[in-house]
PDB file of N, CA and C in Angstrom:
ATOM      1  N   MET A   1     293.371-132.319 262.385  1.00  0.00           N
ATOM      2  CA  MET A   1     292.450-131.212 262.614  1.00  0.00           C
ATOM      3  C   MET A   1     293.138-129.863 262.345  1.00  0.00           C
ATOM      4  N   ARG A   2     294.428-129.792 262.683  1.00  0.00           N
ATOM      5  CA  ARG A   2     295.158-128.546 262.447  1.00  0.00           C
ATOM      6  C   ARG A   2     295.190-128.180 260.969  1.00  0.00           C
ATOM      7  N   SER A   3     295.279-129.194 260.119  1.00  0.00           N
ATOM      8  CA  SER A   3     295.308-128.942 258.673  1.00  0.00           C
ATOM      9  C   SER A   3     294.061-128.209 258.224  1.00  0.00           C
ATOM     10  N   PHE A   4     292.904-128.592 258.773  1.00  0.00           N
ATOM     11  CA  PHE A   4     291.661-127.911 258.417  1.00  0.00           C
ATOM     12  C   PHE A   4     291.670-126.475 258.924  1.00  0.00           C
ATOM     13  N   VAL A   5     292.219-126.263 260.100  1.00  0.00           N
ATOM     14  CA  VAL A   5     292.307-124.906 260.660  1.00  0.00           C
ATOM     15  C   VAL A   5     293.195-124.043 259.778  1.00  0.00           C
ATOM     16  N   TYR A   6     294.356-124.576 259.378  1.00  0.00           N
ATOM     17  CA  TYR A   6     295.261-123.822 258.503  1.00  0.00           C
ATOM     18  C   TYR A   6     294.607-123.529 257.158  1.00  0.00           C
ATOM     19  N   ALA A   7     293.906-124.519 256.614  1.00  0.00           N
ATOM     20  CA  ALA A   7     293.217-124.324 255.340  1.00  0.00           C
ATOM     21  C   ALA A   7     292.139-123.250 255.474  1.00  0.00           C
ATOM     22  N   PHE A   8     291.423-123.263 256.579  1.00  0.00           N
ATOM     23  CA  PHE A   8     290.386-122.268 256.817  1.00  0.00           C
ATOM     24  C   PHE A   8     291.010-120.875 256.940  1.00  0.00           C
ATOM     25  N   HIS A   9     292.163-120.769 257.610  1.00  0.00           N
ATOM     26  CA  HIS A   9     292.865-119.483 257.707  1.00  0.00           C
ATOM     27  C   HIS A   9     293.254-118.984 256.316  1.00  0.00           C
ATOM     28  N   GLY A  10     293.733-119.897 255.471  1.00  0.00           N
ATOM     29  CA  GLY A  10     294.095-119.523 254.108  1.00  0.00           C
ATOM     30  C   GLY A  10     292.895-119.035 253.323  1.00  0.00           C
ATOM     31  N   LEU A  11     291.776-119.725 253.469  1.00  0.00           N
ATOM     32  CA  LEU A  11     290.555-119.321 252.789  1.00  0.00           C
ATOM     33  C   LEU A  11     290.101-117.950 253.269  1.00  0.00           C
ATOM     34  N   CYS A  12     290.135-117.734 254.562  1.00  0.00           N
ATOM     35  CA  CYS A  12     289.749-116.424 255.118  1.00  0.00           C
ATOM     36  C   CYS A  12     290.669-115.321 254.613  1.00  0.00           C
ATOM     37  N   PHE A  13     291.983-115.592 254.568  1.00  0.00           N
ATOM     38  CA  PHE A  13     292.937-114.601 254.046  1.00  0.00           C
ATOM     39  C   PHE A  13     292.585-114.252 252.605  1.00  0.00           C
ATOM     40  N   ALA A  14     292.322-115.275 251.796  1.00  0.00           N
ATOM     41  CA  ALA A  14     292.004-115.033 250.391  1.00  0.00           C
ATOM     42  C   ALA A  14     290.734-114.201 250.262  1.00  0.00           C
ATOM     43  N   ILE A  15     289.719-114.517 251.049  1.00  0.00           N
ATOM     44  CA  ILE A  15     288.456-113.774 250.978  1.00  0.00           C
ATOM     45  C   ILE A  15     288.665-112.320 251.395  1.00  0.00           C
ATOM     46  N   LYS A  16     289.439-112.107 252.451  1.00  0.00           N
ATOM     47  CA  LYS A  16     289.663-110.744 252.955  1.00  0.00           C
ATOM     48  C   LYS A  16     290.556-109.919 252.027  1.00  0.00           C
ATOM     49  N   SER A  17     291.496-110.558 251.348  1.00  0.00           N
ATOM     50  CA  SER A  17     292.503-109.799 250.608  1.00  0.00           C
ATOM     51  C   SER A  17     292.273-109.735 249.103  1.00  0.00           C
ATOM     52  N   GLN A  18     291.401-110.570 248.578  1.00  0.00           N
ATOM     53  CA  GLN A  18     291.259-110.641 247.123  1.00  0.00           C
ATOM     54  C   GLN A  18     289.884-110.163 246.672  1.00  0.00           C
ATOM     55  N   HIS A  19     289.853-108.997 246.060  1.00  0.00           N
ATOM     56  CA  HIS A  19     288.605-108.415 245.569  1.00  0.00           C
ATOM     57  C   HIS A  19     287.937-109.345 244.548  1.00  0.00           C
ATOM     58  N   ASN A  20     288.737-109.935 243.660  1.00  0.00           N
ATOM     59  CA  ASN A  20     288.169-110.814 242.636  1.00  0.00           C
ATOM     60  C   ASN A  20     287.479-112.024 243.248  1.00  0.00           C
ATOM     61  N   LEU A  21     288.008-112.520 244.352  1.00  0.00           N
ATOM     62  CA  LEU A  21     287.372-113.660 245.012  1.00  0.00           C
ATOM     63  C   LEU A  21     286.001-113.263 245.554  1.00  0.00           C
ATOM     64  N   LEU A  22     285.875-112.051 246.050  1.00  0.00           N
ATOM     65  CA  LEU A  22     284.561-111.573 246.509  1.00  0.00           C
ATOM     66  C   LEU A  22     283.570-111.484 245.346  1.00  0.00           C
ATOM     67  N   ILE A  23     284.064-111.095 244.179  1.00  0.00           N
ATOM     68  CA  ILE A  23     283.210-111.060 242.986  1.00  0.00           C
ATOM     69  C   ILE A  23     282.764-112.478 242.638  1.00  0.00           C
ATOM     70  N   HIS A  24     283.718-113.430 242.665  1.00  0.00           N
ATOM     71  CA  HIS A  24     283.372-114.827 242.377  1.00  0.00           C
ATOM     72  C   HIS A  24     282.348-115.352 243.382  1.00  0.00           C
ATOM     73  N   LEU A  25     282.537-115.035 244.656  1.00  0.00           N
ATOM     74  CA  LEU A  25     281.606-115.514 245.681  1.00  0.00           C
ATOM     75  C   LEU A  25     280.224-114.889 245.523  1.00  0.00           C
ATOM     76  N   SER A  26     280.175-113.644 245.075  1.00  0.00           N
ATOM     77  CA  SER A  26     278.886-113.011 244.787  1.00  0.00           C
ATOM     78  C   SER A  26     278.177-113.744 243.655  1.00  0.00           C
ATOM     79  N   MET A  27     278.949-114.134 242.653  1.00  0.00           N
ATOM     80  CA  MET A  27     278.378-114.896 241.538  1.00  0.00           C
ATOM     81  C   MET A  27     277.907-116.276 242.006  1.00  0.00           C
ATOM     82  N   VAL A  28     278.639-116.876 242.937  1.00  0.00           N
ATOM     83  CA  VAL A  28     278.222-118.164 243.492  1.00  0.00           C
ATOM     84  C   VAL A  28     276.846-118.023 244.132  1.00  0.00           C
ATOM     85  N   PHE A  29     276.666-116.991 244.933  1.00  0.00           N
ATOM     86  CA  PHE A  29     275.381-116.750 245.583  1.00  0.00           C
ATOM     87  C   PHE A  29     274.274-116.605 244.539  1.00  0.00           C
ATOM     88  N   LEU A  30     274.530-115.799 243.511  1.00  0.00           N
ATOM     89  CA  LEU A  30     273.547-115.575 242.461  1.00  0.00           C
ATOM     90  C   LEU A  30     273.211-116.881 241.735  1.00  0.00           C
ATOM     91  N   VAL A  31     274.231-117.658 241.388  1.00  0.00           N
ATOM     92  CA  VAL A  31     274.014-118.920 240.666  1.00  0.00           C
ATOM     93  C   VAL A  31     273.218-119.896 241.526  1.00  0.00           C
ATOM     94  N   VAL A  32     273.520-119.969 242.803  1.00  0.00           N
ATOM     95  CA  VAL A  32     272.785-120.885 243.684  1.00  0.00           C
ATOM     96  C   VAL A  32     271.319-120.468 243.795  1.00  0.00           C
ATOM     97  N   VAL A  33     271.068-119.197 243.954  1.00  0.00           N
ATOM     98  CA  VAL A  33     269.682-118.718 244.044  1.00  0.00           C
ATOM     99  C   VAL A  33     268.931-119.000 242.746  1.00  0.00           C
ATOM    100  N   VAL A  34     269.543-118.680 241.617  1.00  0.00           N
ATOM    101  CA  VAL A  34     268.898-118.921 240.318  1.00  0.00           C
ATOM    102  C   VAL A  34     268.738-120.422 240.093  1.00  0.00           C
ATOM    103  N   GLY A  35     269.726-121.210 240.501  1.00  0.00           N
ATOM    104  CA  GLY A  35     269.632-122.663 240.381  1.00  0.00           C
ATOM    105  C   GLY A  35     268.475-123.233 241.183  1.00  0.00           C
ATOM    106  N   MET A  36     268.263-122.698 242.378  1.00  0.00           N
ATOM    107  CA  MET A  36     267.126-123.149 243.185  1.00  0.00           C
ATOM    108  C   MET A  36     265.803-122.721 242.547  1.00  0.00           C
ATOM    109  N   PHE A  37     265.790-121.513 241.991  1.00  0.00           N
ATOM    110  CA  PHE A  37     264.580-121.021 241.327  1.00  0.00           C
ATOM    111  C   PHE A  37     264.182-121.939 240.174  1.00  0.00           C
ATOM    112  N   PHE A  38     265.162-122.363 239.382  1.00  0.00           N
ATOM    113  CA  PHE A  38     264.894-123.214 238.230  1.00  0.00           C
ATOM    114  C   PHE A  38     264.939-124.707 238.571  1.00  0.00           C
ATOM    115  N   THR A  39     265.100-125.028 239.831  1.00  0.00           N
ATOM    116  CA  THR A  39     265.195-126.418 240.302  1.00  0.00           C
ATOM    117  C   THR A  39     266.063-127.273 239.377  1.00  0.00           C
ATOM    118  N   LEU A  40     267.347-126.997 239.426  1.00  0.00           N
ATOM    119  CA  LEU A  40     268.301-127.737 238.599  1.00  0.00           C
ATOM    120  C   LEU A  40     268.249-129.225 238.924  1.00  0.00           C
ATOM    121  N   SER A  41     268.583-130.023 237.936  1.00  0.00           N
ATOM    122  CA  SER A  41     268.664-131.472 238.142  1.00  0.00           C
ATOM    123  C   SER A  41     269.937-131.791 238.928  1.00  0.00           C
ATOM    124  N   GLN A  42     270.023-133.024 239.379  1.00  0.00           N
ATOM    125  CA  GLN A  42     271.213-133.446 240.117  1.00  0.00           C
ATOM    126  C   GLN A  42     272.473-133.281 239.264  1.00  0.00           C
ATOM    127  N   ASN A  43     272.403-133.672 238.001  1.00  0.00           N
ATOM    128  CA  ASN A  43     273.574-133.538 237.125  1.00  0.00           C
ATOM    129  C   ASN A  43     273.942-132.072 236.885  1.00  0.00           C
ATOM    130  N   GLU A  44     272.941-131.226 236.764  1.00  0.00           N
ATOM    131  CA  GLU A  44     273.219-129.797 236.593  1.00  0.00           C
ATOM    132  C   GLU A  44     273.885-129.228 237.845  1.00  0.00           C
ATOM    133  N   TRP A  45     273.417-129.641 239.026  1.00  0.00           N
ATOM    134  CA  TRP A  45     274.049-129.179 240.269  1.00  0.00           C
ATOM    135  C   TRP A  45     275.491-129.675 240.358  1.00  0.00           C
ATOM    136  N   ILE A  46     275.748-130.877 239.875  1.00  0.00           N
ATOM    137  CA  ILE A  46     277.124-131.398 239.885  1.00  0.00           C
ATOM    138  C   ILE A  46     278.019-130.508 239.028  1.00  0.00           C
ATOM    139  N   VAL A  47     277.546-130.162 237.834  1.00  0.00           N
ATOM    140  CA  VAL A  47     278.328-129.286 236.951  1.00  0.00           C
ATOM    141  C   VAL A  47     278.535-127.924 237.597  1.00  0.00           C
ATOM    142  N   VAL A  48     277.491-127.365 238.171  1.00  0.00           N
ATOM    143  CA  VAL A  48     277.591-126.055 238.817  1.00  0.00           C
ATOM    144  C   VAL A  48     278.575-126.117 239.987  1.00  0.00           C
ATOM    145  N   THR A  49     278.462-127.150 240.814  1.00  0.00           N
ATOM    146  CA  THR A  49     279.337-127.289 241.982  1.00  0.00           C
ATOM    147  C   THR A  49     280.802-127.437 241.571  1.00  0.00           C
ATOM    148  N   LEU A  50     281.054-128.278 240.585  1.00  0.00           N
ATOM    149  CA  LEU A  50     282.434-128.453 240.113  1.00  0.00           C
ATOM    150  C   LEU A  50     282.973-127.177 239.482  1.00  0.00           C
ATOM    151  N   SER A  51     282.128-126.461 238.761  1.00  0.00           N
ATOM    152  CA  SER A  51     282.549-125.191 238.160  1.00  0.00           C
ATOM    153  C   SER A  51     282.899-124.166 239.235  1.00  0.00           C
ATOM    154  N   ILE A  52     282.056-124.090 240.257  1.00  0.00           N
ATOM    155  CA  ILE A  52     282.329-123.174 241.373  1.00  0.00           C
ATOM    156  C   ILE A  52     283.650-123.553 242.050  1.00  0.00           C
ATOM    157  N   GLY A  53     283.810-124.831 242.336  1.00  0.00           N
ATOM    158  CA  GLY A  53     285.042-125.287 242.979  1.00  0.00           C
ATOM    159  C   GLY A  53     286.271-124.997 242.152  1.00  0.00           C
ATOM    160  N   LEU A  54     286.169-125.174 240.838  1.00  0.00           N
ATOM    161  CA  LEU A  54     287.297-124.906 239.947  1.00  0.00           C
ATOM    162  C   LEU A  54     287.697-123.437 239.987  1.00  0.00           C
ATOM    163  N   VAL A  55     286.720-122.551 239.867  1.00  0.00           N
ATOM    164  CA  VAL A  55     287.026-121.119 239.835  1.00  0.00           C
ATOM    165  C   VAL A  55     287.578-120.637 241.176  1.00  0.00           C
ATOM    166  N   ILE A  56     286.935-121.019 242.267  1.00  0.00           N
ATOM    167  CA  ILE A  56     287.396-120.587 243.590  1.00  0.00           C
ATOM    168  C   ILE A  56     288.792-121.150 243.870  1.00  0.00           C
ATOM    169  N   SER A  57     289.009-122.410 243.526  1.00  0.00           N
ATOM    170  CA  SER A  57     290.329-123.024 243.745  1.00  0.00           C
ATOM    171  C   SER A  57     291.419-122.331 242.942  1.00  0.00           C
ATOM    172  N   THR A  58     291.147-122.058 241.664  1.00  0.00           N
ATOM    173  CA  THR A  58     292.183-121.391 240.871  1.00  0.00           C
ATOM    174  C   THR A  58     292.439-119.978 241.370  1.00  0.00           C
ATOM    175  N   GLU A  59     291.412-119.312 241.851  1.00  0.00           N
ATOM    176  CA  GLU A  59     291.619-117.964 242.416  1.00  0.00           C
ATOM    177  C   GLU A  59     292.505-118.031 243.659  1.00  0.00           C
ATOM    178  N   ILE A  60     292.284-119.022 244.501  1.00  0.00           N
ATOM    179  CA  ILE A  60     293.104-119.164 245.709  1.00  0.00           C
ATOM    180  C   ILE A  60     294.536-119.563 245.345  1.00  0.00           C
ATOM    181  N   ILE A  61     294.693-120.454 244.381  1.00  0.00           N
ATOM    182  CA  ILE A  61     296.041-120.825 243.923  1.00  0.00           C
ATOM    183  C   ILE A  61     296.734-119.608 243.321  1.00  0.00           C
ATOM    184  N   ASN A  62     296.010-118.808 242.561  1.00  0.00           N
ATOM    185  CA  ASN A  62     296.563-117.577 242.011  1.00  0.00           C
ATOM    186  C   ASN A  62     297.055-116.658 243.129  1.00  0.00           C
ATOM    187  N   THR A  63     296.258-116.534 244.176  1.00  0.00           N
ATOM    188  CA  THR A  63     296.652-115.706 245.317  1.00  0.00           C
ATOM    189  C   THR A  63     297.932-116.241 245.960  1.00  0.00           C
ATOM    190  N   ALA A  64     298.001-117.562 246.124  1.00  0.00           N
ATOM    191  CA  ALA A  64     299.202-118.166 246.722  1.00  0.00           C
ATOM    192  C   ALA A  64     300.430-117.907 245.856  1.00  0.00           C
ATOM    193  N   ILE A  65     300.274-118.034 244.546  1.00  0.00           N
ATOM    194  CA  ILE A  65     301.401-117.783 243.642  1.00  0.00           C
ATOM    195  C   ILE A  65     301.827-116.324 243.717  1.00  0.00           C
ATOM    196  N   GLU A  66     300.869-115.420 243.728  1.00  0.00           N
ATOM    197  CA  GLU A  66     301.204-113.993 243.834  1.00  0.00           C
ATOM    198  C   GLU A  66     301.939-113.691 245.135  1.00  0.00           C
ATOM    199  N   GLU A  67     301.477-114.255 246.231  1.00  0.00           N
ATOM    200  CA  GLU A  67     302.138-114.045 247.523  1.00  0.00           C
ATOM    201  C   GLU A  67     303.567-114.577 247.491  1.00  0.00           C
ATOM    202  N   LEU A  68     303.747-115.759 246.922  1.00  0.00           N
ATOM    203  CA  LEU A  68     305.074-116.369 246.845  1.00  0.00           C
ATOM    204  C   LEU A  68     306.008-115.545 245.963  1.00  0.00           C
ATOM    205  N   VAL A  69     305.527-115.117 244.812  1.00  0.00           N
ATOM    206  CA  VAL A  69     306.347-114.308 243.912  1.00  0.00           C
ATOM    207  C   VAL A  69     306.722-112.988 244.592  1.00  0.00           C
ATOM    208  N   ASP A  70     305.778-112.361 245.272  1.00  0.00           N
ATOM    209  CA  ASP A  70     306.080-111.108 245.975  1.00  0.00           C
ATOM    210  C   ASP A  70     307.104-111.319 247.082  1.00  0.00           C
ATOM    211  N   MET A  71     307.036-112.465 247.750  1.00  0.00           N
ATOM    212  CA  MET A  71     307.987-112.755 248.818  1.00  0.00           C
ATOM    213  C   MET A  71     309.393-112.992 248.246  1.00  0.00           C
ATOM    214  N   ILE A  72     309.461-113.731 247.162  1.00  0.00           N
ATOM    215  CA  ILE A  72     310.762-114.058 246.571  1.00  0.00           C
ATOM    216  C   ILE A  72     311.367-112.870 245.847  1.00  0.00           C
ATOM    217  N   HIS A  73     310.526-112.131 245.158  1.00  0.00           N
ATOM    218  CA  HIS A  73     311.030-111.006 244.365  1.00  0.00           C
ATOM    219  C   HIS A  73     310.120-109.800 244.560  1.00  0.00           C
ATOM    220  N   PRO A  74     310.325-109.041 245.659  1.00  0.00           N
ATOM    221  CA  PRO A  74     309.424-107.919 245.958  1.00  0.00           C
ATOM    222  C   PRO A  74     309.502-106.766 244.953  1.00  0.00           C
ATOM    223  N   ASN A  75     310.622-106.634 244.250  1.00  0.00           N
ATOM    224  CA  ASN A  75     310.745-105.574 243.246  1.00  0.00           C
ATOM    225  C   ASN A  75     310.194-106.059 241.912  1.00  0.00           C
ATOM    226  N   LYS A  76     309.802-105.097 241.078  1.00  0.00           N
ATOM    227  CA  LYS A  76     309.272-105.476 239.762  1.00  0.00           C
ATOM    228  C   LYS A  76     310.350-106.188 238.960  1.00  0.00           C
ATOM    229  N   HIS A  77     309.934-107.271 238.336  1.00  0.00           N
ATOM    230  CA  HIS A  77     310.828-108.054 237.489  1.00  0.00           C
ATOM    231  C   HIS A  77     309.982-108.692 236.400  1.00  0.00           C
ATOM    232  N   PRO A  78     310.446-108.677 235.146  1.00  0.00           N
ATOM    233  CA  PRO A  78     309.630-109.230 234.055  1.00  0.00           C
ATOM    234  C   PRO A  78     309.210-110.680 234.281  1.00  0.00           C
ATOM    235  N   ASN A  79     310.096-111.505 234.800  1.00  0.00           N
ATOM    236  CA  ASN A  79     309.750-112.909 235.037  1.00  0.00           C
ATOM    237  C   ASN A  79     308.707-113.045 236.145  1.00  0.00           C
ATOM    238  N   ALA A  80     308.823-112.216 237.178  1.00  0.00           N
ATOM    239  CA  ALA A  80     307.844-112.256 238.265  1.00  0.00           C
ATOM    240  C   ALA A  80     306.470-111.858 237.734  1.00  0.00           C
ATOM    241  N   GLY A  81     306.439-110.827 236.913  1.00  0.00           N
ATOM    242  CA  GLY A  81     305.179-110.397 236.320  1.00  0.00           C
ATOM    243  C   GLY A  81     304.586-111.460 235.414  1.00  0.00           C
ATOM    244  N   ARG A  82     305.432-112.140 234.664  1.00  0.00           N
ATOM    245  CA  ARG A  82     304.966-113.191 233.770  1.00  0.00           C
ATOM    246  C   ARG A  82     304.351-114.341 234.562  1.00  0.00           C
ATOM    247  N   ILE A  83     304.989-114.707 235.667  1.00  0.00           N
ATOM    248  CA  ILE A  83     304.461-115.780 236.518  1.00  0.00           C
ATOM    249  C   ILE A  83     303.079-115.395 237.049  1.00  0.00           C
ATOM    250  N   LYS A  84     302.953-114.168 237.511  1.00  0.00           N
ATOM    251  CA  LYS A  84     301.655-113.709 238.012  1.00  0.00           C
ATOM    252  C   LYS A  84     300.607-113.694 236.903  1.00  0.00           C
ATOM    253  N   ASP A  85     301.017-113.258 235.712  1.00  0.00           N
ATOM    254  CA  ASP A  85     300.091-113.228 234.581  1.00  0.00           C
ATOM    255  C   ASP A  85     299.622-114.635 234.215  1.00  0.00           C
ATOM    256  N   LEU A  86     300.526-115.608 234.262  1.00  0.00           N
ATOM    257  CA  LEU A  86     300.161-116.991 233.965  1.00  0.00           C
ATOM    258  C   LEU A  86     299.136-117.516 234.973  1.00  0.00           C
ATOM    259  N   ALA A  87     299.358-117.230 236.236  1.00  0.00           N
ATOM    260  CA  ALA A  87     298.425-117.678 237.268  1.00  0.00           C
ATOM    261  C   ALA A  87     297.065-117.002 237.093  1.00  0.00           C
ATOM    262  N   ALA A  88     297.078-115.722 236.768  1.00  0.00           N
ATOM    263  CA  ALA A  88     295.820-115.013 236.526  1.00  0.00           C
ATOM    264  C   ALA A  88     295.126-115.568 235.285  1.00  0.00           C
ATOM    265  N   GLY A  89     295.911-115.973 234.297  1.00  0.00           N
ATOM    266  CA  GLY A  89     295.349-116.585 233.100  1.00  0.00           C
ATOM    267  C   GLY A  89     294.617-117.877 233.421  1.00  0.00           C
ATOM    268  N   ALA A  90     295.146-118.643 234.354  1.00  0.00           N
ATOM    269  CA  ALA A  90     294.478-119.885 234.769  1.00  0.00           C
ATOM    270  C   ALA A  90     293.113-119.584 235.375  1.00  0.00           C
ATOM    271  N   VAL A  91     293.041-118.519 236.161  1.00  0.00           N
ATOM    272  CA  VAL A  91     291.753-118.118 236.740  1.00  0.00           C
ATOM    273  C   VAL A  91     290.785-117.723 235.626  1.00  0.00           C
ATOM    274  N   LEU A  92     291.291-116.979 234.659  1.00  0.00           N
ATOM    275  CA  LEU A  92     290.446-116.556 233.548  1.00  0.00           C
ATOM    276  C   LEU A  92     289.895-117.756 232.780  1.00  0.00           C
ATOM    277  N   VAL A  93     290.744-118.726 232.499  1.00  0.00           N
ATOM    278  CA  VAL A  93     290.302-119.927 231.774  1.00  0.00           C
ATOM    279  C   VAL A  93     289.223-120.664 232.566  1.00  0.00           C
ATOM    280  N   SER A  94     289.435-120.828 233.869  1.00  0.00           N
ATOM    281  CA  SER A  94     288.432-121.537 234.676  1.00  0.00           C
ATOM    282  C   SER A  94     287.131-120.749 234.752  1.00  0.00           C
ATOM    283  N   ALA A  95     287.217-119.428 234.835  1.00  0.00           N
ATOM    284  CA  ALA A  95     286.014-118.600 234.889  1.00  0.00           C
ATOM    285  C   ALA A  95     285.246-118.655 233.567  1.00  0.00           C
ATOM    286  N   ILE A  96     285.961-118.656 232.451  1.00  0.00           N
ATOM    287  CA  ILE A  96     285.295-118.761 231.152  1.00  0.00           C
ATOM    288  C   ILE A  96     284.610-120.120 231.019  1.00  0.00           C
ATOM    289  N   ALA A  97     285.307-121.190 231.422  1.00  0.00           N
ATOM    290  CA  ALA A  97     284.707-122.528 231.364  1.00  0.00           C
ATOM    291  C   ALA A  97     283.451-122.597 232.229  1.00  0.00           C
ATOM    292  N   ALA A  98     283.512-122.014 233.422  1.00  0.00           N
ATOM    293  CA  ALA A  98     282.344-122.006 234.312  1.00  0.00           C
ATOM    294  C   ALA A  98     281.208-121.192 233.699  1.00  0.00           C
ATOM    295  N   ALA A  99     281.540-120.072 233.083  1.00  0.00           N
ATOM    296  CA  ALA A  99     280.512-119.244 232.457  1.00  0.00           C
ATOM    297  C   ALA A  99     279.842-119.981 231.297  1.00  0.00           C
ATOM    298  N   VAL A 100     280.633-120.676 230.501  1.00  0.00           N
ATOM    299  CA  VAL A 100     280.060-121.441 229.381  1.00  0.00           C
ATOM    300  C   VAL A 100     279.141-122.541 229.914  1.00  0.00           C
ATOM    301  N   ALA A 101     279.599-123.252 230.942  1.00  0.00           N
ATOM    302  CA  ALA A 101     278.755-124.289 231.551  1.00  0.00           C
ATOM    303  C   ALA A 101     277.461-123.680 232.080  1.00  0.00           C
ATOM    304  N   GLY A 102     277.576-122.528 232.723  1.00  0.00           N
ATOM    305  CA  GLY A 102     276.392-121.841 233.246  1.00  0.00           C
ATOM    306  C   GLY A 102     275.439-121.428 232.140  1.00  0.00           C
ATOM    307  N   LEU A 103     275.977-120.932 231.044  1.00  0.00           N
ATOM    308  CA  LEU A 103     275.124-120.551 229.918  1.00  0.00           C
ATOM    309  C   LEU A 103     274.405-121.768 229.337  1.00  0.00           C
ATOM    310  N   ILE A 104     275.127-122.868 229.199  1.00  0.00           N
ATOM    311  CA  ILE A 104     274.518-124.093 228.662  1.00  0.00           C
ATOM    312  C   ILE A 104     273.370-124.561 229.554  1.00  0.00           C
ATOM    313  N   ILE A 105     273.549-124.430 230.853  1.00  0.00           N
ATOM    314  CA  ILE A 105     272.522-124.878 231.794  1.00  0.00           C
ATOM    315  C   ILE A 105     271.363-123.887 231.904  1.00  0.00           C
ATOM    316  N   PHE A 106     271.689-122.607 232.032  1.00  0.00           N
ATOM    317  CA  PHE A 106     270.655-121.632 232.392  1.00  0.00           C
ATOM    318  C   PHE A 106     269.934-120.980 231.210  1.00  0.00           C
ATOM    319  N   VAL A 107     270.594-120.770 230.089  1.00  0.00           N
ATOM    320  CA  VAL A 107     269.938-120.053 228.980  1.00  0.00           C
ATOM    321  C   VAL A 107     268.671-120.764 228.506  1.00  0.00           C
ATOM    322  N   PRO A 108     268.696-122.081 228.275  1.00  0.00           N
ATOM    323  CA  PRO A 108     267.436-122.721 227.869  1.00  0.00           C
ATOM    324  C   PRO A 108     266.321-122.566 228.908  1.00  0.00           C
ATOM    325  N   LYS A 109     266.675-122.636 230.181  1.00  0.00           N
ATOM    326  CA  LYS A 109     265.672-122.485 231.240  1.00  0.00           C
ATOM    327  C   LYS A 109     265.110-121.064 231.256  1.00  0.00           C
ATOM    328  N   ILE A 110     265.967-120.093 231.050  1.00  0.00           N
ATOM    329  CA  ILE A 110     265.527-118.682 231.024  1.00  0.00           C
ATOM    330  C   ILE A 110     264.634-118.442 229.824  1.00  0.00           C
ATOM    331  N   ILE A 111     264.998-119.013 228.679  1.00  0.00           N
ATOM    332  CA  ILE A 111     264.180-118.837 227.466  1.00  0.00           C
ATOM    333  C   ILE A 111     262.785-119.425 227.680  1.00  0.00           C
ATOM    334  N   ILE A 112     262.712-120.616 228.253  1.00  0.00           N
ATOM    335  CA  ILE A 112     261.409-121.230 228.526  1.00  0.00           C
ATOM    336  C   ILE A 112     260.625-120.392 229.535  1.00  0.00           C
ATOM    337  N   TRP A 113     261.292-119.903 230.575  1.00  0.00           N
ATOM    338  CA  TRP A 113     260.636-119.102 231.599  1.00  0.00           C
ATOM    339  C   TRP A 113     260.087-117.798 231.017  1.00  0.00           C
ATOM    340  N   ILE A 114     260.857-117.160 230.140  1.00  0.00           N
ATOM    341  CA  ILE A 114     260.407-115.911 229.504  1.00  0.00           C
ATOM    342  C   ILE A 114     259.215-116.185 228.601  1.00  0.00           C
ATOM    343  N   GLY A 115     259.241-117.349 227.935  1.00  0.00           N
ATOM    344  CA  GLY A 115     258.158-117.708 227.030  1.00  0.00           C
ATOM    345  C   GLY A 115     256.846-118.000 227.715  1.00  0.00           C
ATOM    346  N   ASN A 116     256.894-118.297 228.994  1.00  0.00           N
ATOM    347  CA  ASN A 116     255.651-118.623 229.721  1.00  0.00           C
ATOM    348  C   ASN A 116     255.012-117.405 230.273  1.00  0.00           C
TER     349      ASN A 116
END
């Protein structure tokens, strides 16, 4: 049970300290509302859920890496910056993949909705 408490503390820290995570969570809210509006299929919800989990997870891992790098090397260092950039790149890749999945799912539905 303690593991869940610690994990929840980590999640709360990430939400409170990371502006980008708040942006991602805002997008989650928007996607869920739009998904309900268009009554996504079970498979579409699976893709959306996995995409959300991927982006949020990579953002939290990025935060953990940044915290660790700052703890180990608080002064600016090219290698420390490179490590942070790599972690941020992982978030970018997951966000792009999620956006592409979202476009594949939602654009046809939006086009049909506009046409009606």
